[in-house]
Each structure stands twice: as C-alpha cells, then as structure tokens.
Amino acid sequence: MIIEILIAIILGCLAGIITGITPGIHINLVSVLLLSASPILLNYTSPLILAVFILSMAIMHTFTDAIPSIFLGAPEADTVLNVLPGHKMLMQGQGYEAVKLTVIGSLLGLILIILLIPLLLFTVNPLYSSIQNYIAYILIIASLILIIKDKNKWFFSLIIFLLAGTFGIIVLNMNLKQPLLPLLSGLFGASSLILSLKDKIKIPKQIFSSPSLDKKETTKVMGGSLIASILTGFLPGFSASQSAILASSITGKLKSNSYLLMVGAINTIVMIISFVALYTIDKARNGAIIAISKFIDPFTMNDLITFIAITLIVGGIATFVTLFVTKHFSKLIERLDYSKVAIFILTFITILVTMISGWLGLLIFIISTAIGILPALRGINRSHLMGCLILPVILFFLL
C-alpha cells in the first residue's frame, strides 16, 4: 500500500504541474473526469489511492498556478489577483522573483495551517454551527466591503458584481456539462489574454534574483492570511482571491512583494482548509474535495492524518519543482512572441471549452470574456467578477 501511495503522490504531482501551468485545465475538471472513470479505475486500485492522487495534484496546483498568471496573464479565479503586481514585476524582469514570492507564501501558509489544525478540530464545528444560518448575510457584508473599498468607483464595481452574479446564476442553472469551465475561463482567462494583445506586450530579459522580506511585514501578512483563509475556507463561493482582499483589509496597504506572498499563502491554506472542513463539518468546498468525499466516505481522523502527512511531502516537492519550472519558463518566455503565445492559449481554451461544454458553452465563454474585459476598461478591481459564484450562493442560502 505504501508503494501505491508513493506512486499516487508522484503521478498527482505531475498532474498538478500540468494543471498549474496550463491555462484552462483546472484540478476540478481533472477530478470530475477521474470520478467519472472511477468504475473502471477501481478495478485496478483502491479509493484511497485515487483520493491521494487528487490531493497531491491539488496541493501541487496551488504552487504552480502562479506561473501562468504572472507570465501569461492567464490566471484562474484563485490567482487572478496575482496578475497586477506579478505582471508589473515581470515587465521589470523579475518574473522569477514574483513566482518565488508566491511559493514562499504557499510553503509558509502550509506549515502554519497544519500547525493550527489541532485547534481547528475543536473550534470549527461549534463556530460553523453558530454562523451557518447567517452565511448569506456574511457574504453580503463581505462583498459590500470589497465593493466600497473601490471608493469613488464603487458604483461601477457594484454593477460589475451584479452583472457577473446574474450571469453566473443563469449559467449555473443551465443543463450544461462543466458550466464553470466556460464561465471562469472567459471571465478571468481569455479576457486577460485579449487585454495583453491590445497592449502589445514585449517581455524584457528576466533576472533570477531572490526577494527581500521584511520579518515584521511578513508576520503581519501571514497573520492576516490565516484569519481570512479560515473564514473563506468555510464560506462557500469565496475564492482565494476574495480572501486576499479581505486579508489586505486586515493588514492594511501592502507592497507588491508582500501581496504576492499573501496570495500564495492563501491559495494553499484554503485548499488545506477544504479537507479540514470535510472532516469537521462534512462539507466539500471545491470540485477536488467533492471527488475525494466520493472516494472516502466517511472521512475519518486516520484519513485526515494521512492527508496532512501527504500535504507536507507534496509541499516540499512543489517548492523545488515550481522554482525549477519557473526558471526554465523565464528563459523561454523571453524568446517567444508574447502575442503569438496569447493567441495560441486563447485558441487552446476555445477548443477545450467547445469540446467539453459544447456550442452553448462556447457562447457562454464569449459572453463571459466580454464581461471580464469590462473592469479593466473602467479601472476596477477584477475580483468583483467573483460575483458569478458569490451571488448564486447568497440566493441559495436566502431562498
């Protein structure tokens, strides 16, 4: 069994590298495909091995997904906020350093949240029981805070939030295979790539430097990241990017370095919190955890301990692998025509959406791409596009 688990970890890490660096391919999609193929796969392996594969892929993904968001401008919903500070550093020849900051944040976040798991096991259940009837109101208040933070642009932020939310409600109520693929790929992926084409970006020579971190600010960032991530991990609809904005409200204004550190930490912490939530309140917060819950039911303390051990192993592997891949990615991106890269990725995502979600999915992809471009035209924070998930969740709890 140990050999099989090690093989599952290695294969999961390889899958996480692919999903992390390839725009449009998310761990949720792979998890659903694996779940669909499970009747065949379970003839050759056990449910635990499949769950270990998904876990390893998910943790690796939270490290490597910073690469396309910073170098290609093709983030997922969880890494969309990497684009602004990360892209700025890329254009200064510091793309490698930008990714390294997210990796440091991910590793620190992983270690800190695992140390806190014993405390969470005793506090989460009573805490969640006391707030579950107020989740819709918490989401409304949190969303309003994020909108008001745009100050003189709050009205347009509200319009974007409601527009994305209304579209999300429509899409999620359609009889469509993998509705989130065209929805999120358009809002956060294709829209960023089209904007990069408009700006005719040319990537400068990249420098392989190490970031300098202020201990006091790093401590403040990690504290804010933990608080926001724990809240986000138990609130459906909130992404790691939304959590990052909440954390920045706690920490105050941050430098680009600290912000990337925080986004990396939150992305990994939220994933780990997801399987803690599965154990403590029996709730699955994302597609990967839903798939795991189907393979392991009930999810016991022994399973939780096994997952924690695997998370530590994968976190160590992911740190070295992500930096290795980023170094080679940095050298490659300098020599490529960025416009051609963006066109290739757009074409790839379009074909993927059409194959998986059909012609209706393609129409959704086109509309969501148009909506995704609007915040940039108005100079508004793109995180308000997460209304596509938050508003449906609010209505679900209210109705």
Protein backbone atom coordinates (compact mmCIF):
# COMPACT_ATOMS: atom_id res chain seq x y z
CA MET A 1 0.00 0.00 0.00
CA ILE A 2 2.88 2.41 0.82
CA ILE A 3 4.38 1.88 -2.66
CA GLU A 4 1.00 2.56 -4.26
CA ILE A 5 0.57 5.73 -2.20
CA LEU A 6 4.04 6.96 -3.26
CA ILE A 7 3.21 6.28 -6.91
CA ALA A 8 -0.10 8.15 -6.49
CA ILE A 9 1.78 11.11 -4.96
CA ILE A 10 4.26 11.22 -7.86
CA LEU A 11 1.54 10.94 -10.52
CA GLY A 12 -0.58 13.51 -8.67
CA CYS A 13 2.35 15.94 -8.56
CA LEU A 14 2.89 15.51 -12.30
CA ALA A 15 -0.81 16.15 -12.92
CA GLY A 16 -0.65 19.22 -10.65
CA ILE A 17 2.24 20.62 -12.67
CA ILE A 18 0.24 20.19 -15.89
CA THR A 19 -2.97 21.72 -14.47
CA GLY A 20 -0.98 24.50 -12.82
CA ILE A 21 0.93 25.70 -15.89
CA THR A 22 -1.78 25.00 -18.50
CA PRO A 23 -4.47 27.70 -18.76
CA GLY A 24 -8.00 26.36 -18.87
CA ILE A 25 -7.26 22.98 -17.26
CA HIS A 26 -8.31 23.08 -13.63
CA ILE A 27 -7.98 20.44 -10.92
CA ASN A 28 -11.77 20.40 -10.59
CA LEU A 29 -12.07 19.32 -14.22
CA VAL A 30 -9.50 16.53 -13.81
CA SER A 31 -11.14 15.44 -10.55
CA VAL A 32 -14.56 15.16 -12.21
CA LEU A 33 -13.08 13.20 -15.13
CA LEU A 34 -11.34 10.88 -12.67
CA LEU A 35 -14.58 10.41 -10.75
CA SER A 36 -16.39 9.58 -14.00
CA ALA A 37 -13.76 6.97 -14.84
CA SER A 38 -13.69 5.52 -11.32
CA PRO A 39 -15.84 2.44 -12.09
CA ILE A 40 -13.03 1.28 -14.39
CA LEU A 41 -10.11 2.56 -12.28
CA LEU A 42 -11.38 0.90 -9.11
CA ASN A 43 -10.87 -2.47 -10.77
CA TYR A 44 -7.13 -1.80 -10.60
CA THR A 45 -6.67 0.34 -7.50
CA SER A 46 -8.38 1.48 -4.29
CA PRO A 47 -10.49 4.60 -3.49
CA LEU A 48 -7.73 5.82 -1.12
CA ILE A 49 -5.14 5.79 -3.90
CA LEU A 50 -7.40 7.85 -6.18
CA ALA A 51 -8.04 10.30 -3.32
CA VAL A 52 -4.27 10.61 -2.68
CA PHE A 53 -3.74 11.33 -6.38
CA ILE A 54 -6.31 14.16 -6.30
CA LEU A 55 -4.89 15.60 -3.07
CA SER A 56 -1.32 15.59 -4.42
CA MET A 57 -2.49 17.20 -7.66
CA ALA A 58 -4.45 19.88 -5.75
CA ILE A 59 -1.56 20.89 -3.45
CA MET A 60 0.96 20.95 -6.32
CA HIS A 61 -1.51 23.03 -8.33
CA THR A 62 -1.68 25.73 -5.63
CA PHE A 63 2.08 26.22 -6.02
CA THR A 64 2.43 26.07 -9.82
CA ASP A 65 -0.69 28.02 -10.84
CA ALA A 66 1.13 31.31 -10.18
CA ILE A 67 3.30 30.68 -13.27
CA PRO A 68 0.68 31.27 -16.00
CA SER A 69 -1.00 34.09 -14.05
CA ILE A 70 2.30 36.01 -13.85
CA PHE A 71 3.97 35.05 -17.13
CA LEU A 72 0.97 34.61 -19.42
CA GLY A 73 -1.71 36.78 -17.83
CA ALA A 74 -3.97 33.72 -17.84
CA PRO A 75 -4.97 33.24 -14.20
CA GLU A 76 -7.67 31.12 -12.65
CA ALA A 77 -10.18 32.58 -10.23
CA ASP A 78 -7.86 31.78 -7.31
CA THR A 79 -4.84 33.56 -8.81
CA VAL A 80 -6.43 36.46 -10.67
CA LEU A 81 -5.06 38.99 -8.18
CA ASN A 82 -1.52 37.83 -8.97
CA VAL A 83 -1.83 39.49 -12.36
CA LEU A 84 -1.39 43.13 -11.30
CA PRO A 85 1.70 43.03 -9.01
CA GLY A 86 3.06 39.89 -10.71
CA HIS A 87 2.80 41.33 -14.20
CA LYS A 88 4.42 44.56 -13.06
CA MET A 89 7.41 42.61 -11.74
CA LEU A 90 7.52 40.54 -14.94
CA MET A 91 7.81 43.73 -17.01
CA GLN A 92 10.71 44.75 -14.75
CA GLY A 93 12.48 41.46 -15.47
CA GLN A 94 11.52 39.99 -12.08
CA GLY A 95 9.01 37.33 -13.09
CA TYR A 96 11.02 34.58 -11.38
CA GLU A 97 11.13 36.59 -8.16
CA ALA A 98 7.37 37.17 -8.34
CA VAL A 99 6.67 33.43 -8.56
CA LYS A 100 9.23 32.75 -5.82
CA LEU A 101 7.30 35.07 -3.51
CA THR A 102 4.09 33.10 -4.07
CA VAL A 103 5.99 29.85 -3.44
CA ILE A 104 7.40 31.15 -0.16
CA GLY A 105 3.90 32.26 0.82
CA SER A 106 2.44 28.86 -0.08
CA LEU A 107 5.08 26.98 1.93
CA LEU A 108 4.74 29.23 4.99
CA GLY A 109 0.95 29.05 4.78
CA LEU A 110 1.05 25.26 4.51
CA ILE A 111 3.23 24.89 7.60
CA LEU A 112 1.23 27.39 9.67
CA ILE A 113 -2.20 25.96 8.89
CA ILE A 114 -1.05 22.39 9.60
CA LEU A 115 0.23 23.53 12.99
CA LEU A 116 -3.21 25.05 13.67
CA ILE A 117 -5.26 22.02 12.58
CA PRO A 118 -5.48 20.54 16.13
CA LEU A 119 -7.02 23.82 17.33
CA LEU A 120 -9.39 23.95 14.35
CA LEU A 121 -10.67 20.45 15.07
CA PHE A 122 -12.10 21.67 18.39
CA THR A 123 -13.33 25.10 17.30
CA VAL A 124 -14.64 24.77 13.74
CA ASN A 125 -17.76 22.72 14.40
CA PRO A 126 -19.29 24.96 17.11
CA LEU A 127 -18.19 28.08 15.20
CA TYR A 128 -19.73 26.90 11.94
CA SER A 129 -22.93 25.80 13.71
CA SER A 130 -23.31 29.30 15.13
CA ILE A 131 -22.82 31.09 11.79
CA GLN A 132 -24.30 28.73 9.19
CA ASN A 133 -27.71 30.41 9.35
CA TYR A 134 -26.03 33.75 8.71
CA ILE A 135 -23.75 32.73 5.83
CA ALA A 136 -25.75 34.67 3.24
CA TYR A 137 -25.56 37.85 5.33
CA ILE A 138 -21.83 37.37 5.96
CA LEU A 139 -21.28 37.02 2.20
CA ILE A 140 -23.37 40.14 1.52
CA ILE A 141 -21.46 42.22 4.08
CA ALA A 142 -18.07 40.94 2.90
CA SER A 143 -18.96 41.64 -0.74
CA LEU A 144 -20.17 45.16 0.10
CA ILE A 145 -16.93 45.86 1.97
CA LEU A 146 -14.93 44.78 -1.07
CA ILE A 147 -17.07 46.94 -3.36
CA ILE A 148 -16.88 50.02 -1.12
CA LYS A 149 -13.09 49.67 -0.98
CA ASP A 150 -13.05 50.89 -4.61
CA LYS A 151 -14.11 54.27 -3.17
CA ASN A 152 -15.16 56.63 -6.00
CA LYS A 153 -15.63 53.67 -8.37
CA TRP A 154 -17.90 51.72 -6.04
CA PHE A 155 -20.98 52.17 -8.24
CA PHE A 156 -19.31 50.57 -11.27
CA SER A 157 -17.87 47.86 -9.01
CA LEU A 158 -21.41 47.08 -7.82
CA ILE A 159 -22.64 46.95 -11.43
CA ILE A 160 -19.82 44.53 -12.39
CA PHE A 161 -20.53 42.36 -9.33
CA LEU A 162 -24.27 42.19 -10.11
CA LEU A 163 -23.68 41.64 -13.84
CA ALA A 164 -21.27 38.77 -13.22
CA GLY A 165 -23.56 37.40 -10.48
CA THR A 166 -26.65 37.46 -12.69
CA PHE A 167 -24.77 35.76 -15.50
CA GLY A 168 -23.45 33.19 -13.03
CA ILE A 169 -27.00 32.40 -11.86
CA ILE A 170 -28.13 31.90 -15.47
CA VAL A 171 -25.17 29.68 -16.39
CA LEU A 172 -25.28 27.54 -13.24
CA ASN A 173 -28.97 26.84 -13.79
CA MET A 174 -28.41 25.61 -17.34
CA ASN A 175 -28.25 21.93 -18.16
CA LEU A 176 -24.62 22.23 -19.18
CA LYS A 177 -21.64 19.94 -18.72
CA GLN A 178 -18.90 21.66 -16.69
CA PRO A 179 -20.55 25.16 -16.61
CA LEU A 180 -17.67 26.68 -14.61
CA LEU A 181 -15.16 25.97 -17.38
CA PRO A 182 -16.54 28.46 -19.95
CA LEU A 183 -17.70 30.86 -17.22
CA LEU A 184 -14.40 31.23 -15.35
CA SER A 185 -12.15 30.73 -18.40
CA GLY A 186 -13.86 33.69 -20.05
CA LEU A 187 -14.12 35.98 -17.04
CA PHE A 188 -10.54 35.53 -15.84
CA GLY A 189 -8.52 33.82 -18.57
CA ALA A 190 -9.49 34.87 -22.08
CA SER A 191 -10.26 38.45 -21.02
CA SER A 192 -6.73 38.87 -19.61
CA LEU A 193 -5.17 37.45 -22.77
CA ILE A 194 -7.19 39.76 -25.03
CA LEU A 195 -6.14 42.76 -22.94
CA SER A 196 -2.49 41.69 -23.25
CA LEU A 197 -2.90 41.53 -27.04
CA LYS A 198 -4.34 45.04 -27.05
CA ASP A 199 -1.36 46.36 -25.10
CA LYS A 200 1.19 44.63 -27.43
CA ILE A 201 3.34 43.40 -24.56
CA LYS A 202 7.03 42.60 -25.04
CA ILE A 203 8.72 40.64 -22.25
CA PRO A 204 12.13 42.00 -21.10
CA LYS A 205 15.12 39.83 -20.16
CA GLN A 206 14.43 38.12 -16.84
CA ILE A 207 16.74 38.31 -13.82
CA PHE A 208 16.97 35.40 -11.36
CA SER A 209 17.03 37.18 -8.03
CA SER A 210 15.77 36.33 -4.56
CA PRO A 211 13.19 38.57 -2.87
CA SER A 212 14.00 40.51 0.27
CA LEU A 213 11.39 40.06 3.00
CA ASP A 214 10.76 42.25 6.00
CA LYS A 215 10.18 39.98 9.03
CA LYS A 216 7.65 42.30 10.65
CA GLU A 217 5.57 42.73 7.49
CA THR A 218 5.84 39.01 6.66
CA THR A 219 4.47 38.17 10.11
CA LYS A 220 1.61 40.63 9.61
CA VAL A 221 0.86 39.22 6.15
CA MET A 222 0.79 35.62 7.34
CA GLY A 223 -1.47 36.51 10.28
CA GLY A 224 -3.95 38.27 8.01
CA SER A 225 -3.76 35.41 5.51
CA LEU A 226 -4.58 32.82 8.17
CA ILE A 227 -7.59 34.74 9.52
CA ALA A 228 -9.03 35.44 6.07
CA SER A 229 -8.34 31.91 4.78
CA ILE A 230 -10.01 30.19 7.73
CA LEU A 231 -13.10 32.35 7.20
CA THR A 232 -13.02 31.77 3.44
CA GLY A 233 -12.47 28.04 3.79
CA PHE A 234 -15.84 27.62 5.47
CA LEU A 235 -17.78 30.12 3.37
CA PRO A 236 -18.99 28.73 0.02
CA GLY A 237 -18.43 30.90 -3.05
CA PHE A 238 -15.44 32.84 -1.76
CA SER A 239 -12.19 32.21 -3.66
CA ALA A 240 -8.60 32.62 -2.57
CA SER A 241 -8.51 35.95 -4.42
CA GLN A 242 -11.51 37.25 -2.50
CA SER A 243 -9.83 36.06 0.68
CA ALA A 244 -6.71 38.02 -0.29
CA ILE A 245 -8.72 41.22 -0.47
CA LEU A 246 -10.23 40.54 2.96
CA ALA A 247 -6.74 39.84 4.30
CA SER A 248 -5.45 43.11 2.87
CA SER A 249 -8.24 44.86 4.78
CA ILE A 250 -6.80 43.32 7.94
CA THR A 251 -3.15 44.05 7.15
CA GLY A 252 -3.57 47.45 5.50
CA LYS A 253 -1.75 48.61 2.35
CA LEU A 254 0.97 46.19 1.23
CA LYS A 255 3.93 46.31 -1.12
CA SER A 256 3.86 44.11 -4.25
CA ASN A 257 6.26 41.66 -2.57
CA SER A 258 4.02 41.21 0.47
CA TYR A 259 0.88 40.99 -1.64
CA LEU A 260 2.26 38.14 -3.75
CA LEU A 261 3.40 36.42 -0.56
CA MET A 262 -0.13 36.72 0.80
CA VAL A 263 -1.89 35.44 -2.33
CA GLY A 264 0.43 32.41 -2.42
CA ALA A 265 -0.23 31.65 1.25
CA ILE A 266 -4.00 31.98 0.97
CA ASN A 267 -4.23 29.84 -2.17
CA THR A 268 -2.61 26.89 -0.37
CA ILE A 269 -4.23 27.45 3.05
CA VAL A 270 -7.74 27.50 1.55
CA MET A 271 -7.09 24.15 -0.16
CA ILE A 272 -5.92 22.56 3.10
CA ILE A 273 -8.84 24.10 5.00
CA SER A 274 -11.13 22.41 2.46
CA PHE A 275 -10.29 18.91 3.61
CA VAL A 276 -10.37 20.02 7.26
CA ALA A 277 -13.92 21.26 6.53
CA LEU A 278 -14.72 17.87 5.02
CA TYR A 279 -13.76 16.19 8.29
CA THR A 280 -15.19 18.70 10.78
CA ILE A 281 -18.48 19.77 9.17
CA ASP A 282 -18.78 17.21 6.35
CA LYS A 283 -18.85 19.94 3.69
CA ALA A 284 -16.91 19.84 0.41
CA ARG A 285 -15.89 23.33 -0.73
CA ASN A 286 -14.47 22.63 -4.23
CA GLY A 287 -14.56 20.05 -7.02
CA ALA A 288 -11.40 18.24 -5.92
CA ILE A 289 -12.69 17.78 -2.36
CA ILE A 290 -16.10 16.68 -3.65
CA ALA A 291 -14.37 13.94 -5.65
CA ILE A 292 -12.32 12.92 -2.59
CA SER A 293 -15.50 12.75 -0.49
CA LYS A 294 -16.98 10.32 -3.02
CA PHE A 295 -13.93 8.06 -2.79
CA ILE A 296 -13.58 8.22 1.01
CA ASP A 297 -16.86 8.14 2.89
CA PRO A 298 -16.82 8.62 5.81
CA PHE A 299 -13.70 10.80 6.01
CA THR A 300 -12.10 9.69 9.31
CA MET A 301 -9.40 11.01 11.61
CA ASN A 302 -6.96 8.45 10.16
CA ASP A 303 -7.70 9.81 6.68
CA LEU A 304 -7.13 13.36 7.91
CA ILE A 305 -3.74 12.42 9.44
CA THR A 306 -2.76 10.64 6.21
CA PHE A 307 -3.73 13.70 4.18
CA ILE A 308 -1.71 16.01 6.44
CA ALA A 309 1.40 13.85 6.02
CA ILE A 310 0.93 13.75 2.23
CA THR A 311 0.40 17.52 2.13
CA LEU A 312 3.75 18.10 3.85
CA ILE A 313 5.51 15.77 1.40
CA VAL A 314 3.89 17.35 -1.67
CA GLY A 315 4.52 20.87 -0.33
CA GLY A 316 8.25 20.15 -0.13
CA ILE A 317 8.31 18.68 -3.64
CA ALA A 318 6.20 21.52 -5.03
CA THR A 319 8.57 24.18 -3.69
CA PHE A 320 11.56 22.85 -5.64
CA VAL A 321 9.58 21.84 -8.74
CA THR A 322 7.84 25.22 -9.10
CA LEU A 323 11.10 27.17 -8.86
CA PHE A 324 12.77 24.79 -11.34
CA VAL A 325 9.92 25.10 -13.85
CA THR A 326 9.76 28.88 -13.37
CA LYS A 327 13.47 29.31 -14.12
CA HIS A 328 13.10 27.48 -17.45
CA PHE A 329 9.79 29.25 -18.14
CA SER A 330 11.53 32.61 -17.62
CA LYS A 331 14.21 31.78 -20.19
CA LEU A 332 11.63 30.54 -22.67
CA ILE A 333 9.20 33.45 -22.39
CA GLU A 334 11.96 35.97 -23.27
CA ARG A 335 12.45 34.33 -26.67
CA LEU A 336 8.78 33.96 -27.58
CA ASP A 337 6.47 36.46 -29.26
CA TYR A 338 4.02 37.14 -26.43
CA SER A 339 1.20 37.96 -28.85
CA LYS A 340 1.56 34.58 -30.54
CA VAL A 341 1.63 32.85 -27.13
CA ALA A 342 -1.58 34.64 -26.12
CA ILE A 343 -3.30 33.72 -29.40
CA PHE A 344 -2.23 30.08 -29.00
CA ILE A 345 -3.61 29.93 -25.44
CA LEU A 346 -6.86 31.62 -26.49
CA THR A 347 -7.27 29.08 -29.30
CA PHE A 348 -6.49 26.20 -26.94
CA ILE A 349 -9.04 27.34 -24.32
CA THR A 350 -11.69 27.92 -27.02
CA ILE A 351 -11.24 24.39 -28.40
CA LEU A 352 -11.25 22.91 -24.87
CA VAL A 353 -14.47 24.73 -23.93
CA THR A 354 -16.18 23.65 -27.15
CA MET A 355 -15.14 20.01 -26.73
CA ILE A 356 -16.27 19.78 -23.11
CA SER A 357 -19.24 22.16 -22.88
CA GLY A 358 -20.43 22.22 -26.50
CA TRP A 359 -21.63 25.17 -28.58
CA LEU A 360 -23.69 26.56 -25.72
CA GLY A 361 -20.53 26.54 -23.61
CA LEU A 362 -18.74 28.44 -26.37
CA LEU A 363 -21.46 31.11 -26.35
CA ILE A 364 -21.12 31.41 -22.54
CA PHE A 365 -17.34 31.64 -22.96
CA ILE A 366 -17.67 34.53 -25.43
CA ILE A 367 -20.14 36.44 -23.23
CA SER A 368 -18.11 35.88 -20.06
CA THR A 369 -14.96 37.07 -21.86
CA ALA A 370 -16.73 40.31 -22.80
CA ILE A 371 -17.86 40.78 -19.17
CA GLY A 372 -14.32 40.01 -17.98
CA ILE A 373 -12.90 42.87 -20.06
CA LEU A 374 -15.22 45.50 -18.53
CA PRO A 375 -13.40 46.01 -15.18
CA ALA A 376 -10.13 46.82 -16.97
CA LEU A 377 -11.90 49.40 -19.13
CA ARG A 378 -13.23 51.12 -16.00
CA GLY A 379 -10.09 50.64 -13.88
CA ILE A 380 -11.97 48.44 -11.40
CA ASN A 381 -10.64 45.52 -9.36
CA ARG A 382 -11.37 42.33 -11.33
CA SER A 383 -12.09 40.36 -8.18
CA HIS A 384 -15.67 41.70 -8.32
CA LEU A 385 -16.21 39.26 -11.17
CA MET A 386 -16.34 36.58 -8.47
CA GLY A 387 -19.93 37.72 -8.07
CA CYS A 388 -20.58 34.96 -10.64
CA LEU A 389 -20.23 32.47 -7.76
CA ILE A 390 -20.97 34.56 -4.70
CA LEU A 391 -24.39 35.87 -5.79
CA PRO A 392 -25.76 32.38 -6.61
CA VAL A 393 -24.57 31.16 -3.20
CA ILE A 394 -26.22 34.12 -1.43
CA LEU A 395 -29.51 33.38 -3.14
CA PHE A 396 -29.17 29.67 -2.34
CA PHE A 397 -28.92 30.41 1.40
CA LEU A 398 -31.63 33.10 1.35
CA LEU A 399 -34.24 31.16 -0.62
